[in-house]
C-alpha cells in the first residue's frame, strides 16, 4: 500500500479538547503579552495527536498504513487511553445530554448558555499552574471570537440540551471533526450537523448560506 505522504499532504487533528486547550492558551498568552499567535490545530503525523502512545504501533497505523484489517487497527487503538476515552464519550453522549437537561429542569435553569458560562468554562481549560487571579482576569477579558472551535462545540452541546432525545453517539465524532473544520478553508457537513449548529445559534446561522460570510458558508 502506498504511503499516505506519497498520496498527498495530510494533516491530522488531535482530540477536540486539545484544540480548545490550544485556543485557550493562545488567548491567555495574548492577554499576558499582548501578542496573538494562532493556536496549533493540525499535526503532521497521527502520532502527534496521541502523544503518550507507543510510537511504533501508531506509526504502523497512522503513517505507513500497512494492509491491516479494520479489526487489527482497532486492536492497536484499543490500548490507547485517548481512544478509550473517545469511545466512552461516544457511547455515553445521549444519556449525558438527557441527564444534564433533567438537572437543569430541576434547578429551573435556563437552557441556553450565557456569555459568562462560556467564558468561565474556557478559563477552566487553562493549565493547572495558572492561578485563580489570572484565571479570573482571563474569564473577564478573553475574546471568544478567537476561539471558533470552542464556540462551535458549545453551540452543538446547546442544541443537544434543546433536543436531548435527538442526541446520538455519533455526535462525538462530529464534534471531533468540527473542531478542525473551523480552521479549514473549505468544510463540508451533513444536514443534521448544520441544523444542530443553527439551533445552537452558532454565528446566528440564517436559512440561506448566501447571507453570511466565513467558513461556515460551505456547511449549509
N, C-alpha and C. Protein backbone atom coordinates (compact mmCIF):
# COMPACT_ATOMS: atom_id res chain seq x y z
N UNK A 1 0.84 -1.18 0.00
CA UNK A 1 0.00 0.00 0.00
C UNK A 1 0.89 1.25 0.00
N UNK A 2 0.49 2.25 -0.77
CA UNK A 2 1.27 3.49 -0.83
C UNK A 2 1.28 4.20 0.51
N UNK A 3 2.38 4.90 0.76
CA UNK A 3 2.44 5.74 1.95
C UNK A 3 1.46 6.89 1.80
N UNK A 4 0.88 7.30 2.90
CA UNK A 4 -0.03 8.44 2.86
C UNK A 4 0.67 9.67 2.32
N UNK A 5 1.94 9.86 2.72
CA UNK A 5 2.67 11.05 2.29
C UNK A 5 2.91 11.05 0.78
N UNK A 6 2.93 9.85 0.16
CA UNK A 6 3.11 9.77 -1.29
C UNK A 6 1.81 10.12 -2.01
N UNK A 7 0.71 9.93 -1.34
CA UNK A 7 -0.59 10.25 -1.94
C UNK A 7 -0.81 11.75 -1.95
N UNK A 8 -0.42 12.42 -0.91
CA UNK A 8 -0.62 13.86 -0.83
C UNK A 8 -0.33 14.37 0.56
N UNK A 9 -0.37 15.66 0.71
CA UNK A 9 -0.11 16.29 2.00
C UNK A 9 -1.29 16.03 2.94
N UNK A 10 -1.01 15.45 4.08
CA UNK A 10 -2.06 15.09 5.03
C UNK A 10 -1.77 15.73 6.38
N UNK A 11 -2.78 16.31 6.98
CA UNK A 11 -2.67 16.86 8.33
C UNK A 11 -3.64 16.11 9.23
N UNK A 12 -3.23 15.91 10.47
CA UNK A 12 -4.05 15.18 11.43
C UNK A 12 -4.60 16.13 12.48
N UNK A 13 -5.77 15.79 13.00
CA UNK A 13 -6.39 16.57 14.07
C UNK A 13 -6.21 15.86 15.40
N UNK A 14 -5.87 16.60 16.46
CA UNK A 14 -5.83 15.98 17.78
C UNK A 14 -7.24 15.84 18.33
N UNK A 15 -7.35 15.36 19.54
CA UNK A 15 -8.65 15.30 20.21
C UNK A 15 -9.24 16.70 20.26
N UNK A 16 -10.54 16.81 20.12
CA UNK A 16 -11.16 18.14 20.06
C UNK A 16 -10.90 18.95 21.32
N UNK A 17 -10.73 18.28 22.47
CA UNK A 17 -10.40 19.02 23.69
C UNK A 17 -9.03 19.69 23.58
N UNK A 18 -8.09 19.02 22.87
CA UNK A 18 -6.77 19.61 22.69
C UNK A 18 -6.85 20.89 21.86
N UNK A 19 -7.73 20.89 20.86
CA UNK A 19 -7.91 22.09 20.04
C UNK A 19 -8.38 23.24 20.93
N UNK A 20 -9.34 22.98 21.80
CA UNK A 20 -9.85 24.02 22.70
C UNK A 20 -8.77 24.46 23.68
N UNK A 21 -8.01 23.51 24.20
CA UNK A 21 -6.91 23.88 25.11
C UNK A 21 -5.95 24.83 24.42
N UNK A 22 -5.65 24.55 23.16
CA UNK A 22 -4.72 25.41 22.42
C UNK A 22 -5.31 26.79 22.15
N UNK A 23 -6.61 26.83 21.89
CA UNK A 23 -7.27 28.13 21.72
C UNK A 23 -7.18 28.94 23.01
N UNK A 24 -7.48 28.30 24.14
CA UNK A 24 -7.43 28.99 25.42
C UNK A 24 -6.01 29.49 25.71
N UNK A 25 -5.01 28.65 25.43
CA UNK A 25 -3.62 29.03 25.69
C UNK A 25 -3.20 30.23 24.84
N UNK A 26 -3.64 30.26 23.58
CA UNK A 26 -3.30 31.38 22.70
C UNK A 26 -3.92 32.68 23.21
N UNK A 27 -5.17 32.60 23.65
CA UNK A 27 -5.83 33.80 24.19
C UNK A 27 -5.18 34.25 25.50
N UNK A 28 -4.78 33.29 26.32
CA UNK A 28 -4.13 33.62 27.58
C UNK A 28 -2.80 34.32 27.33
N UNK A 29 -2.03 33.82 26.38
CA UNK A 29 -0.74 34.44 26.04
C UNK A 29 -0.93 35.85 25.49
N UNK A 30 -2.02 36.05 24.74
CA UNK A 30 -2.28 37.39 24.22
C UNK A 30 -2.59 38.36 25.36
N UNK A 31 -3.38 37.89 26.34
CA UNK A 31 -3.72 38.75 27.47
C UNK A 31 -2.46 39.09 28.28
N UNK A 32 -1.56 38.10 28.43
CA UNK A 32 -0.35 38.32 29.21
C UNK A 32 0.67 39.18 28.48
N UNK A 33 0.86 38.90 27.18
CA UNK A 33 1.97 39.51 26.44
C UNK A 33 1.54 40.45 25.32
N UNK A 34 0.22 40.53 25.07
CA UNK A 34 -0.25 41.45 24.05
C UNK A 34 0.03 41.02 22.63
N UNK A 35 0.33 39.74 22.43
CA UNK A 35 0.64 39.25 21.09
C UNK A 35 -0.18 38.01 20.81
N UNK A 36 -0.86 38.03 19.65
CA UNK A 36 -1.71 36.91 19.27
C UNK A 36 -0.96 35.96 18.35
N UNK A 37 -1.02 34.67 18.66
CA UNK A 37 -0.48 33.62 17.80
C UNK A 37 -1.56 32.57 17.60
N UNK A 38 -1.78 32.20 16.36
CA UNK A 38 -2.83 31.23 16.06
C UNK A 38 -2.55 29.91 16.78
N UNK A 39 -3.56 29.31 17.39
CA UNK A 39 -3.35 28.05 18.11
C UNK A 39 -2.95 26.91 17.19
N UNK A 40 -2.19 25.97 17.73
CA UNK A 40 -1.81 24.78 16.97
C UNK A 40 -3.02 23.86 16.87
N UNK A 41 -3.43 23.59 15.65
CA UNK A 41 -4.63 22.78 15.44
C UNK A 41 -4.33 21.51 14.66
N UNK A 42 -3.47 21.61 13.66
CA UNK A 42 -3.16 20.46 12.81
C UNK A 42 -1.75 19.94 13.11
N UNK A 43 -1.58 18.62 12.97
CA UNK A 43 -0.30 17.99 13.22
C UNK A 43 0.14 17.22 11.98
N UNK A 44 1.45 17.03 11.86
CA UNK A 44 2.00 16.38 10.67
C UNK A 44 1.83 14.86 10.70
N UNK A 45 1.75 14.28 11.88
CA UNK A 45 1.60 12.83 11.97
C UNK A 45 0.48 12.48 12.95
N UNK A 46 -0.09 11.33 12.76
CA UNK A 46 -1.13 10.86 13.66
C UNK A 46 -0.56 10.68 15.07
N UNK A 47 0.69 10.26 15.16
CA UNK A 47 1.31 10.04 16.47
C UNK A 47 1.30 11.31 17.31
N UNK A 48 1.47 12.45 16.68
CA UNK A 48 1.49 13.71 17.42
C UNK A 48 0.15 14.01 18.09
N UNK A 49 -0.91 13.40 17.59
CA UNK A 49 -2.23 13.66 18.18
C UNK A 49 -2.47 12.82 19.43
N UNK A 50 -1.70 11.76 19.61
CA UNK A 50 -1.80 10.93 20.82
C UNK A 50 -0.38 10.79 21.37
N UNK A 51 0.07 11.83 22.01
CA UNK A 51 1.48 11.96 22.37
C UNK A 51 1.98 10.91 23.35
N UNK A 52 1.12 10.36 24.17
CA UNK A 52 1.57 9.41 25.19
C UNK A 52 1.52 7.96 24.72
N UNK A 53 1.18 7.76 23.47
CA UNK A 53 1.05 6.40 22.96
C UNK A 53 2.41 5.88 22.47
N UNK A 54 2.51 4.56 22.39
CA UNK A 54 3.72 3.94 21.87
C UNK A 54 3.88 4.28 20.39
N UNK A 55 5.04 4.75 20.01
CA UNK A 55 5.21 5.28 18.66
C UNK A 55 5.13 4.21 17.58
N UNK A 56 5.67 3.06 17.80
CA UNK A 56 5.76 2.06 16.73
C UNK A 56 4.40 1.59 16.22
N UNK A 57 3.49 1.15 17.09
CA UNK A 57 2.19 0.73 16.55
C UNK A 57 1.42 1.88 15.92
N UNK A 58 1.59 3.10 16.48
CA UNK A 58 0.90 4.24 15.90
C UNK A 58 1.49 4.59 14.55
N UNK A 59 2.81 4.49 14.44
CA UNK A 59 3.45 4.72 13.14
C UNK A 59 2.88 3.75 12.11
N UNK A 60 2.70 2.51 12.53
CA UNK A 60 2.21 1.50 11.60
C UNK A 60 0.78 1.80 11.16
N UNK A 61 -0.03 2.28 12.08
CA UNK A 61 -1.42 2.57 11.75
C UNK A 61 -1.56 3.93 11.09
N UNK A 62 -0.88 4.92 11.62
CA UNK A 62 -1.15 6.29 11.19
C UNK A 62 -0.33 6.79 10.04
N UNK A 63 0.85 6.18 9.77
CA UNK A 63 1.70 6.76 8.75
C UNK A 63 2.04 5.79 7.62
N UNK A 64 2.51 4.60 7.96
CA UNK A 64 2.87 3.69 6.87
C UNK A 64 1.66 2.97 6.31
N UNK A 65 0.62 2.86 7.11
CA UNK A 65 -0.65 2.30 6.68
C UNK A 65 -0.49 0.96 5.96
N UNK A 66 -0.02 -0.08 6.65
CA UNK A 66 0.07 -1.40 6.03
C UNK A 66 -1.34 -1.93 5.76
N UNK A 67 -1.45 -2.98 4.95
CA UNK A 67 -2.78 -3.51 4.61
C UNK A 67 -3.40 -4.28 5.76
N UNK A 68 -3.69 -3.58 6.87
CA UNK A 68 -4.30 -4.21 8.03
C UNK A 68 -5.82 -4.25 7.88
N UNK A 69 -6.42 -5.25 8.49
CA UNK A 69 -7.87 -5.28 8.56
C UNK A 69 -8.32 -4.26 9.60
N UNK A 70 -9.55 -3.80 9.47
CA UNK A 70 -10.09 -2.82 10.41
C UNK A 70 -10.00 -3.34 11.84
N UNK A 71 -10.28 -4.63 12.03
CA UNK A 71 -10.24 -5.20 13.38
C UNK A 71 -8.85 -5.11 13.97
N UNK A 72 -7.81 -5.25 13.14
CA UNK A 72 -6.44 -5.17 13.63
C UNK A 72 -6.09 -3.74 14.03
N UNK A 73 -6.57 -2.77 13.25
CA UNK A 73 -6.32 -1.37 13.58
C UNK A 73 -7.00 -1.02 14.90
N UNK A 74 -8.23 -1.48 15.07
CA UNK A 74 -8.95 -1.21 16.31
C UNK A 74 -8.25 -1.85 17.49
N UNK A 75 -7.68 -3.05 17.30
CA UNK A 75 -6.95 -3.71 18.37
C UNK A 75 -5.78 -2.86 18.84
N UNK A 76 -5.09 -2.21 17.91
CA UNK A 76 -3.96 -1.35 18.27
C UNK A 76 -4.45 -0.14 19.03
N UNK A 77 -5.50 0.50 18.53
CA UNK A 77 -6.01 1.72 19.15
C UNK A 77 -6.66 1.46 20.51
N UNK A 78 -7.15 0.25 20.71
CA UNK A 78 -7.90 -0.04 21.94
C UNK A 78 -7.06 0.15 23.19
N UNK A 79 -5.75 0.04 23.06
CA UNK A 79 -4.89 0.19 24.22
C UNK A 79 -4.48 1.61 24.52
N UNK A 80 -4.92 2.55 23.72
CA UNK A 80 -4.53 3.95 23.89
C UNK A 80 -5.58 4.66 24.73
N UNK A 81 -5.15 5.36 25.74
CA UNK A 81 -6.07 5.99 26.68
C UNK A 81 -7.00 6.98 25.99
N UNK A 82 -6.44 7.80 25.08
CA UNK A 82 -7.27 8.79 24.40
C UNK A 82 -8.38 8.12 23.61
N UNK A 83 -8.06 6.98 22.98
CA UNK A 83 -9.07 6.29 22.18
C UNK A 83 -10.14 5.68 23.08
N UNK A 84 -9.74 5.16 24.24
CA UNK A 84 -10.71 4.61 25.18
C UNK A 84 -11.67 5.69 25.66
N UNK A 85 -11.13 6.88 25.95
CA UNK A 85 -11.98 7.99 26.38
C UNK A 85 -12.95 8.39 25.27
N UNK A 86 -12.44 8.38 24.04
CA UNK A 86 -13.26 8.75 22.90
C UNK A 86 -14.45 7.80 22.75
N UNK A 87 -14.19 6.50 22.86
CA UNK A 87 -15.27 5.52 22.73
C UNK A 87 -16.27 5.66 23.87
N UNK A 88 -15.77 5.92 25.08
CA UNK A 88 -16.67 6.10 26.22
C UNK A 88 -17.54 7.33 26.02
N UNK A 89 -16.94 8.41 25.52
CA UNK A 89 -17.71 9.61 25.24
C UNK A 89 -18.80 9.33 24.21
N UNK A 90 -18.44 8.58 23.18
CA UNK A 90 -19.40 8.28 22.11
C UNK A 90 -20.61 7.53 22.65
N UNK A 91 -20.35 6.46 23.38
CA UNK A 91 -21.46 5.63 23.86
C UNK A 91 -22.32 6.36 24.88
N UNK A 92 -21.69 7.21 25.71
CA UNK A 92 -22.41 7.84 26.80
C UNK A 92 -23.06 9.17 26.48
N UNK A 93 -22.80 9.72 25.27
CA UNK A 93 -23.26 11.07 24.99
C UNK A 93 -24.77 11.25 25.08
N UNK A 94 -25.60 10.42 24.47
CA UNK A 94 -27.06 10.64 24.57
C UNK A 94 -27.56 10.67 26.01
N UNK A 95 -27.09 9.72 26.84
CA UNK A 95 -27.52 9.70 28.24
C UNK A 95 -27.01 10.94 28.97
N UNK A 96 -25.79 11.37 28.66
CA UNK A 96 -25.22 12.54 29.31
C UNK A 96 -26.09 13.77 29.06
N UNK A 97 -26.48 14.00 27.79
CA UNK A 97 -27.27 15.19 27.48
C UNK A 97 -28.63 15.13 28.18
N UNK A 98 -29.25 13.96 28.22
CA UNK A 98 -30.56 13.86 28.87
C UNK A 98 -30.44 14.09 30.37
N UNK A 99 -29.35 13.61 30.99
CA UNK A 99 -29.15 13.85 32.42
C UNK A 99 -28.94 15.33 32.70
N UNK A 100 -28.17 16.00 31.85
CA UNK A 100 -27.93 17.43 32.04
C UNK A 100 -29.23 18.21 31.97
N UNK A 101 -30.07 17.86 31.00
CA UNK A 101 -31.34 18.57 30.84
C UNK A 101 -32.25 18.33 32.04
N UNK A 102 -32.28 17.11 32.55
CA UNK A 102 -33.10 16.82 33.73
C UNK A 102 -32.63 17.64 34.93
N UNK A 103 -31.32 17.75 35.10
CA UNK A 103 -30.78 18.54 36.21
C UNK A 103 -31.09 20.02 36.04
N UNK A 104 -31.02 20.51 34.81
CA UNK A 104 -31.35 21.92 34.56
C UNK A 104 -32.82 22.20 34.86
N UNK A 105 -33.66 21.28 34.46
CA UNK A 105 -35.09 21.45 34.73
C UNK A 105 -35.35 21.46 36.24
N UNK A 106 -34.63 20.61 36.97
CA UNK A 106 -34.82 20.54 38.42
C UNK A 106 -34.40 21.85 39.08
N UNK A 107 -33.40 22.51 38.51
CA UNK A 107 -32.94 23.79 39.06
C UNK A 107 -33.68 24.97 38.45
N UNK A 108 -34.57 24.68 37.50
CA UNK A 108 -35.27 25.71 36.75
C UNK A 108 -34.28 26.67 36.08
N UNK A 109 -33.20 26.07 35.60
CA UNK A 109 -32.15 26.86 34.94
C UNK A 109 -32.50 27.08 33.47
N UNK A 110 -31.96 28.15 32.91
CA UNK A 110 -32.17 28.42 31.50
C UNK A 110 -31.45 27.38 30.66
N UNK A 111 -32.01 27.07 29.50
CA UNK A 111 -31.40 26.06 28.65
C UNK A 111 -30.17 26.60 27.92
N UNK A 112 -30.25 27.82 27.44
CA UNK A 112 -29.15 28.34 26.63
C UNK A 112 -28.00 28.82 27.51
N UNK A 113 -26.79 28.63 26.99
CA UNK A 113 -25.60 29.03 27.73
C UNK A 113 -25.43 30.55 27.68
N UNK A 114 -24.99 31.11 28.78
CA UNK A 114 -24.75 32.55 28.85
C UNK A 114 -23.30 32.84 28.49
N UNK A 115 -23.02 34.10 28.19
CA UNK A 115 -21.65 34.52 27.89
C UNK A 115 -20.74 34.26 29.08
N UNK A 116 -21.25 34.50 30.28
CA UNK A 116 -20.46 34.27 31.50
C UNK A 116 -20.10 32.79 31.63
N UNK A 117 -21.05 31.91 31.35
CA UNK A 117 -20.79 30.47 31.41
C UNK A 117 -19.70 30.07 30.44
N UNK A 118 -19.79 30.56 29.20
CA UNK A 118 -18.80 30.21 28.19
C UNK A 118 -17.41 30.67 28.60
N UNK A 119 -17.30 31.89 29.09
CA UNK A 119 -16.00 32.42 29.50
C UNK A 119 -15.44 31.64 30.68
N UNK A 120 -16.31 31.27 31.62
CA UNK A 120 -15.87 30.51 32.79
C UNK A 120 -15.40 29.13 32.39
N UNK A 121 -16.12 28.48 31.49
CA UNK A 121 -15.73 27.15 31.03
C UNK A 121 -14.40 27.19 30.29
N UNK A 122 -14.20 28.20 29.46
CA UNK A 122 -12.94 28.29 28.73
C UNK A 122 -11.79 28.53 29.70
N UNK A 123 -12.02 29.31 30.75
CA UNK A 123 -10.98 29.56 31.75
C UNK A 123 -10.55 28.26 32.42
N UNK A 124 -11.47 27.32 32.53
CA UNK A 124 -11.13 26.03 33.15
C UNK A 124 -10.22 25.19 32.27
N UNK A 125 -10.08 25.55 31.00
CA UNK A 125 -9.23 24.81 30.08
C UNK A 125 -7.77 25.24 30.16
N UNK A 126 -7.50 26.28 30.94
CA UNK A 126 -6.12 26.75 31.09
C UNK A 126 -5.31 25.75 31.91
N UNK A 127 -3.98 25.75 31.76
CA UNK A 127 -3.13 24.83 32.53
C UNK A 127 -3.33 25.00 34.03
N UNK A 128 -3.08 23.95 34.78
CA UNK A 128 -3.31 23.95 36.22
C UNK A 128 -2.47 25.01 36.94
N UNK A 129 -1.29 25.33 36.40
CA UNK A 129 -0.41 26.28 37.08
C UNK A 129 -0.89 27.73 37.02
N UNK A 130 -1.92 28.00 36.22
CA UNK A 130 -2.48 29.35 36.16
C UNK A 130 -3.25 29.61 37.45
N UNK A 131 -2.90 30.69 38.16
CA UNK A 131 -3.52 30.93 39.46
C UNK A 131 -4.94 31.50 39.31
N UNK A 132 -5.63 31.59 40.43
CA UNK A 132 -7.04 31.99 40.43
C UNK A 132 -7.21 33.40 39.88
N UNK A 133 -6.33 34.33 40.27
CA UNK A 133 -6.45 35.72 39.82
C UNK A 133 -6.27 35.81 38.30
N UNK A 134 -5.29 35.11 37.77
CA UNK A 134 -5.06 35.12 36.32
C UNK A 134 -6.23 34.47 35.58
N UNK A 135 -6.76 33.42 36.17
CA UNK A 135 -7.90 32.73 35.55
C UNK A 135 -9.12 33.65 35.50
N UNK A 136 -9.33 34.40 36.56
CA UNK A 136 -10.45 35.33 36.61
C UNK A 136 -10.26 36.45 35.60
N UNK A 137 -9.05 36.97 35.50
CA UNK A 137 -8.74 38.03 34.53
C UNK A 137 -8.99 37.52 33.11
N UNK A 138 -8.59 36.28 32.87
CA UNK A 138 -8.80 35.66 31.56
C UNK A 138 -10.30 35.58 31.25
N UNK A 139 -11.10 35.12 32.22
CA UNK A 139 -12.54 34.97 32.01
C UNK A 139 -13.21 36.30 31.71
N UNK A 140 -12.65 37.39 32.24
CA UNK A 140 -13.23 38.72 32.04
C UNK A 140 -12.81 39.33 30.71
N UNK A 141 -11.62 38.99 30.21
CA UNK A 141 -11.07 39.68 29.05
C UNK A 141 -10.97 38.84 27.77
N UNK A 142 -11.11 37.53 27.87
CA UNK A 142 -10.88 36.68 26.70
C UNK A 142 -11.82 37.05 25.55
N UNK A 143 -11.27 37.05 24.35
CA UNK A 143 -12.03 37.34 23.13
C UNK A 143 -12.49 36.01 22.54
N UNK A 144 -13.76 35.68 22.76
CA UNK A 144 -14.27 34.38 22.31
C UNK A 144 -14.34 34.26 20.79
N UNK A 145 -14.27 35.39 20.08
CA UNK A 145 -14.28 35.31 18.62
C UNK A 145 -13.00 34.65 18.11
N UNK A 146 -11.97 34.59 18.96
CA UNK A 146 -10.71 33.94 18.57
C UNK A 146 -10.69 32.47 18.98
N UNK A 147 -11.84 31.96 19.39
CA UNK A 147 -11.96 30.56 19.80
C UNK A 147 -13.11 29.90 19.03
N UNK A 148 -13.01 29.82 17.72
CA UNK A 148 -14.14 29.31 16.92
C UNK A 148 -14.48 27.85 17.21
N UNK A 149 -13.48 27.02 17.50
CA UNK A 149 -13.78 25.62 17.79
C UNK A 149 -14.55 25.50 19.10
N UNK A 150 -14.14 26.26 20.10
CA UNK A 150 -14.83 26.26 21.39
C UNK A 150 -16.28 26.68 21.22
N UNK A 151 -16.51 27.75 20.46
CA UNK A 151 -17.87 28.25 20.28
C UNK A 151 -18.73 27.28 19.47
N UNK A 152 -18.14 26.68 18.46
CA UNK A 152 -18.90 25.74 17.63
C UNK A 152 -19.29 24.51 18.44
N UNK A 153 -18.37 24.01 19.25
CA UNK A 153 -18.65 22.80 20.02
C UNK A 153 -19.72 23.06 21.08
N UNK A 154 -19.66 24.23 21.74
CA UNK A 154 -20.67 24.50 22.75
C UNK A 154 -22.01 24.87 22.13
N UNK A 155 -22.01 25.38 20.91
CA UNK A 155 -23.27 25.56 20.19
C UNK A 155 -23.90 24.20 19.91
N UNK A 156 -23.05 23.23 19.59
CA UNK A 156 -23.50 21.86 19.34
C UNK A 156 -24.10 21.28 20.62
N UNK A 157 -23.41 21.47 21.75
CA UNK A 157 -23.92 20.97 23.04
C UNK A 157 -25.24 21.67 23.40
N UNK A 158 -25.31 22.96 23.13
CA UNK A 158 -26.53 23.70 23.45
C UNK A 158 -27.72 23.15 22.68
N UNK A 159 -27.50 22.85 21.43
CA UNK A 159 -28.58 22.27 20.62
C UNK A 159 -29.00 20.92 21.19
N UNK A 160 -28.04 20.16 21.74
CA UNK A 160 -28.38 18.88 22.36
C UNK A 160 -29.20 19.08 23.63
N UNK A 161 -28.96 20.19 24.33
CA UNK A 161 -29.79 20.49 25.50
C UNK A 161 -31.21 20.85 25.09
N UNK A 162 -31.33 21.53 23.94
CA UNK A 162 -32.65 21.92 23.46
C UNK A 162 -33.42 20.72 22.93
N UNK A 163 -32.70 19.68 22.48
CA UNK A 163 -33.35 18.48 21.97
C UNK A 163 -32.57 17.26 22.44
N UNK A 164 -32.58 16.96 23.75
CA UNK A 164 -31.75 15.89 24.29
C UNK A 164 -32.09 14.51 23.74
N UNK A 165 -33.36 14.29 23.38
CA UNK A 165 -33.74 12.98 22.85
C UNK A 165 -33.16 12.76 21.45
N UNK A 166 -32.74 13.85 20.81
CA UNK A 166 -32.16 13.72 19.47
C UNK A 166 -30.66 13.50 19.49
N UNK A 167 -30.03 13.51 20.67
CA UNK A 167 -28.58 13.29 20.77
C UNK A 167 -28.24 11.87 20.37
N UNK A 168 -27.10 11.72 19.70
CA UNK A 168 -26.67 10.41 19.22
C UNK A 168 -25.22 10.14 19.65
N UNK A 169 -24.86 8.87 19.69
CA UNK A 169 -23.48 8.51 20.00
C UNK A 169 -22.54 9.07 18.94
N UNK A 170 -23.01 9.17 17.71
CA UNK A 170 -22.16 9.66 16.61
C UNK A 170 -21.87 11.16 16.74
N UNK A 171 -22.54 11.85 17.66
CA UNK A 171 -22.30 13.29 17.83
C UNK A 171 -20.87 13.57 18.23
N UNK A 172 -20.26 12.70 19.03
CA UNK A 172 -18.89 12.94 19.47
C UNK A 172 -17.93 12.94 18.29
N UNK A 173 -18.14 12.05 17.36
CA UNK A 173 -17.30 12.04 16.16
C UNK A 173 -17.50 13.32 15.36
N UNK A 174 -18.73 13.80 15.28
CA UNK A 174 -19.00 15.06 14.58
C UNK A 174 -18.30 16.22 15.26
N UNK A 175 -18.32 16.23 16.60
CA UNK A 175 -17.65 17.29 17.35
C UNK A 175 -16.14 17.27 17.09
N UNK A 176 -15.57 16.08 17.04
CA UNK A 176 -14.13 15.94 16.82
C UNK A 176 -13.75 16.60 15.49
N UNK A 177 -14.51 16.32 14.46
CA UNK A 177 -14.22 16.90 13.15
C UNK A 177 -14.53 18.39 13.10
N UNK A 178 -15.57 18.79 13.81
CA UNK A 178 -15.98 20.18 13.81
C UNK A 178 -14.89 21.10 14.35
N UNK A 179 -14.14 20.60 15.34
CA UNK A 179 -13.10 21.42 15.96
C UNK A 179 -12.01 21.80 14.97
N UNK A 180 -11.80 20.99 13.95
CA UNK A 180 -10.81 21.33 12.94
C UNK A 180 -11.42 22.03 11.74
N UNK A 181 -12.69 21.75 11.50
CA UNK A 181 -13.36 22.35 10.34
C UNK A 181 -13.35 23.87 10.39
N UNK A 182 -13.41 24.43 11.60
CA UNK A 182 -13.47 25.88 11.71
C UNK A 182 -12.16 26.54 11.28
N UNK A 183 -11.10 25.74 11.13
CA UNK A 183 -9.81 26.29 10.70
C UNK A 183 -9.49 25.95 9.24
N UNK A 184 -10.40 25.27 8.58
CA UNK A 184 -10.18 24.89 7.19
C UNK A 184 -10.71 25.96 6.25
N UNK A 185 -10.15 25.99 5.05
CA UNK A 185 -10.63 26.93 4.04
C UNK A 185 -12.01 26.52 3.53
N UNK A 186 -12.22 25.22 3.38
CA UNK A 186 -13.50 24.71 2.92
C UNK A 186 -13.86 23.51 3.79
N UNK A 187 -15.11 23.44 4.23
CA UNK A 187 -15.55 22.33 5.05
C UNK A 187 -16.92 21.87 4.59
N UNK A 188 -17.20 20.61 4.79
CA UNK A 188 -18.50 20.05 4.41
C UNK A 188 -19.08 19.31 5.61
N UNK A 189 -20.38 19.34 5.72
CA UNK A 189 -21.04 18.63 6.82
C UNK A 189 -22.41 18.16 6.36
N UNK A 190 -22.92 17.15 7.05
CA UNK A 190 -24.26 16.68 6.68
C UNK A 190 -25.31 17.67 7.19
N UNK A 191 -26.51 17.48 6.69
CA UNK A 191 -27.59 18.42 7.01
C UNK A 191 -27.84 18.47 8.52
N UNK A 192 -27.76 17.33 9.21
CA UNK A 192 -28.05 17.32 10.64
C UNK A 192 -27.05 18.19 11.40
N UNK A 193 -25.78 18.12 11.06
CA UNK A 193 -24.77 18.93 11.74
C UNK A 193 -25.05 20.41 11.55
N UNK A 194 -25.41 20.79 10.35
CA UNK A 194 -25.73 22.19 10.07
C UNK A 194 -26.93 22.64 10.90
N UNK A 195 -27.96 21.80 10.95
CA UNK A 195 -29.15 22.17 11.70
C UNK A 195 -28.87 22.27 13.20
N UNK A 196 -28.00 21.38 13.70
CA UNK A 196 -27.65 21.43 15.12
C UNK A 196 -26.91 22.72 15.42
N UNK A 197 -25.97 23.11 14.56
CA UNK A 197 -25.25 24.37 14.75
C UNK A 197 -26.20 25.56 14.69
N UNK A 198 -27.13 25.50 13.77
CA UNK A 198 -28.10 26.60 13.65
C UNK A 198 -28.95 26.69 14.92
N UNK A 199 -29.39 25.55 15.43
CA UNK A 199 -30.21 25.54 16.63
C UNK A 199 -29.42 26.07 17.83
N UNK A 200 -28.11 25.80 17.83
CA UNK A 200 -27.27 26.28 18.91
C UNK A 200 -26.83 27.72 18.74
N UNK A 201 -27.35 28.38 17.69
CA UNK A 201 -27.06 29.80 17.43
C UNK A 201 -25.59 30.07 17.11
N UNK A 202 -24.90 29.10 16.53
CA UNK A 202 -23.51 29.35 16.16
C UNK A 202 -23.47 30.32 14.98
N UNK A 203 -22.86 31.47 15.19
CA UNK A 203 -22.75 32.51 14.17
C UNK A 203 -24.13 33.01 13.72
N UNK A 204 -25.17 32.71 14.51
CA UNK A 204 -26.53 33.11 14.16
C UNK A 204 -26.85 32.73 12.71
N UNK A 205 -26.71 31.47 12.45
CA UNK A 205 -26.87 30.95 11.09
C UNK A 205 -28.22 31.30 10.49
N UNK A 206 -28.25 31.96 9.35
CA UNK A 206 -29.51 32.22 8.65
C UNK A 206 -29.92 31.00 7.83
N UNK A 207 -31.03 31.08 7.18
CA UNK A 207 -31.52 29.95 6.41
C UNK A 207 -30.88 29.85 5.03
N UNK A 208 -30.35 30.96 4.51
CA UNK A 208 -29.74 30.93 3.18
C UNK A 208 -28.25 31.19 3.34
N UNK A 209 -27.43 30.31 2.77
CA UNK A 209 -25.99 30.42 3.01
C UNK A 209 -25.37 31.62 2.31
N UNK A 210 -26.08 32.30 1.44
CA UNK A 210 -25.51 33.47 0.77
C UNK A 210 -25.56 34.70 1.68
N UNK A 211 -26.18 34.57 2.82
CA UNK A 211 -26.40 35.73 3.68
C UNK A 211 -25.35 35.90 4.77
N UNK A 212 -24.35 35.01 4.81
CA UNK A 212 -23.35 35.17 5.87
C UNK A 212 -21.97 34.81 5.34
N UNK A 213 -20.90 35.46 5.89
CA UNK A 213 -19.53 35.22 5.44
C UNK A 213 -18.85 34.12 6.22
N UNK A 214 -17.65 33.80 5.83
CA UNK A 214 -16.82 32.90 6.61
C UNK A 214 -16.91 31.45 6.17
N UNK A 215 -16.12 30.61 6.88
CA UNK A 215 -16.02 29.20 6.51
C UNK A 215 -17.34 28.48 6.55
N UNK A 216 -18.24 28.93 7.43
CA UNK A 216 -19.45 28.15 7.63
C UNK A 216 -20.39 28.22 6.43
N UNK A 217 -20.12 29.12 5.48
CA UNK A 217 -20.92 29.16 4.25
C UNK A 217 -20.91 27.81 3.55
N UNK A 218 -19.79 27.10 3.62
CA UNK A 218 -19.67 25.83 2.91
C UNK A 218 -20.38 24.68 3.63
N UNK A 219 -20.89 24.92 4.83
CA UNK A 219 -21.57 23.86 5.56
C UNK A 219 -23.03 23.68 5.15
N UNK A 220 -23.66 24.78 4.74
CA UNK A 220 -25.12 24.71 4.53
C UNK A 220 -25.48 24.32 3.10
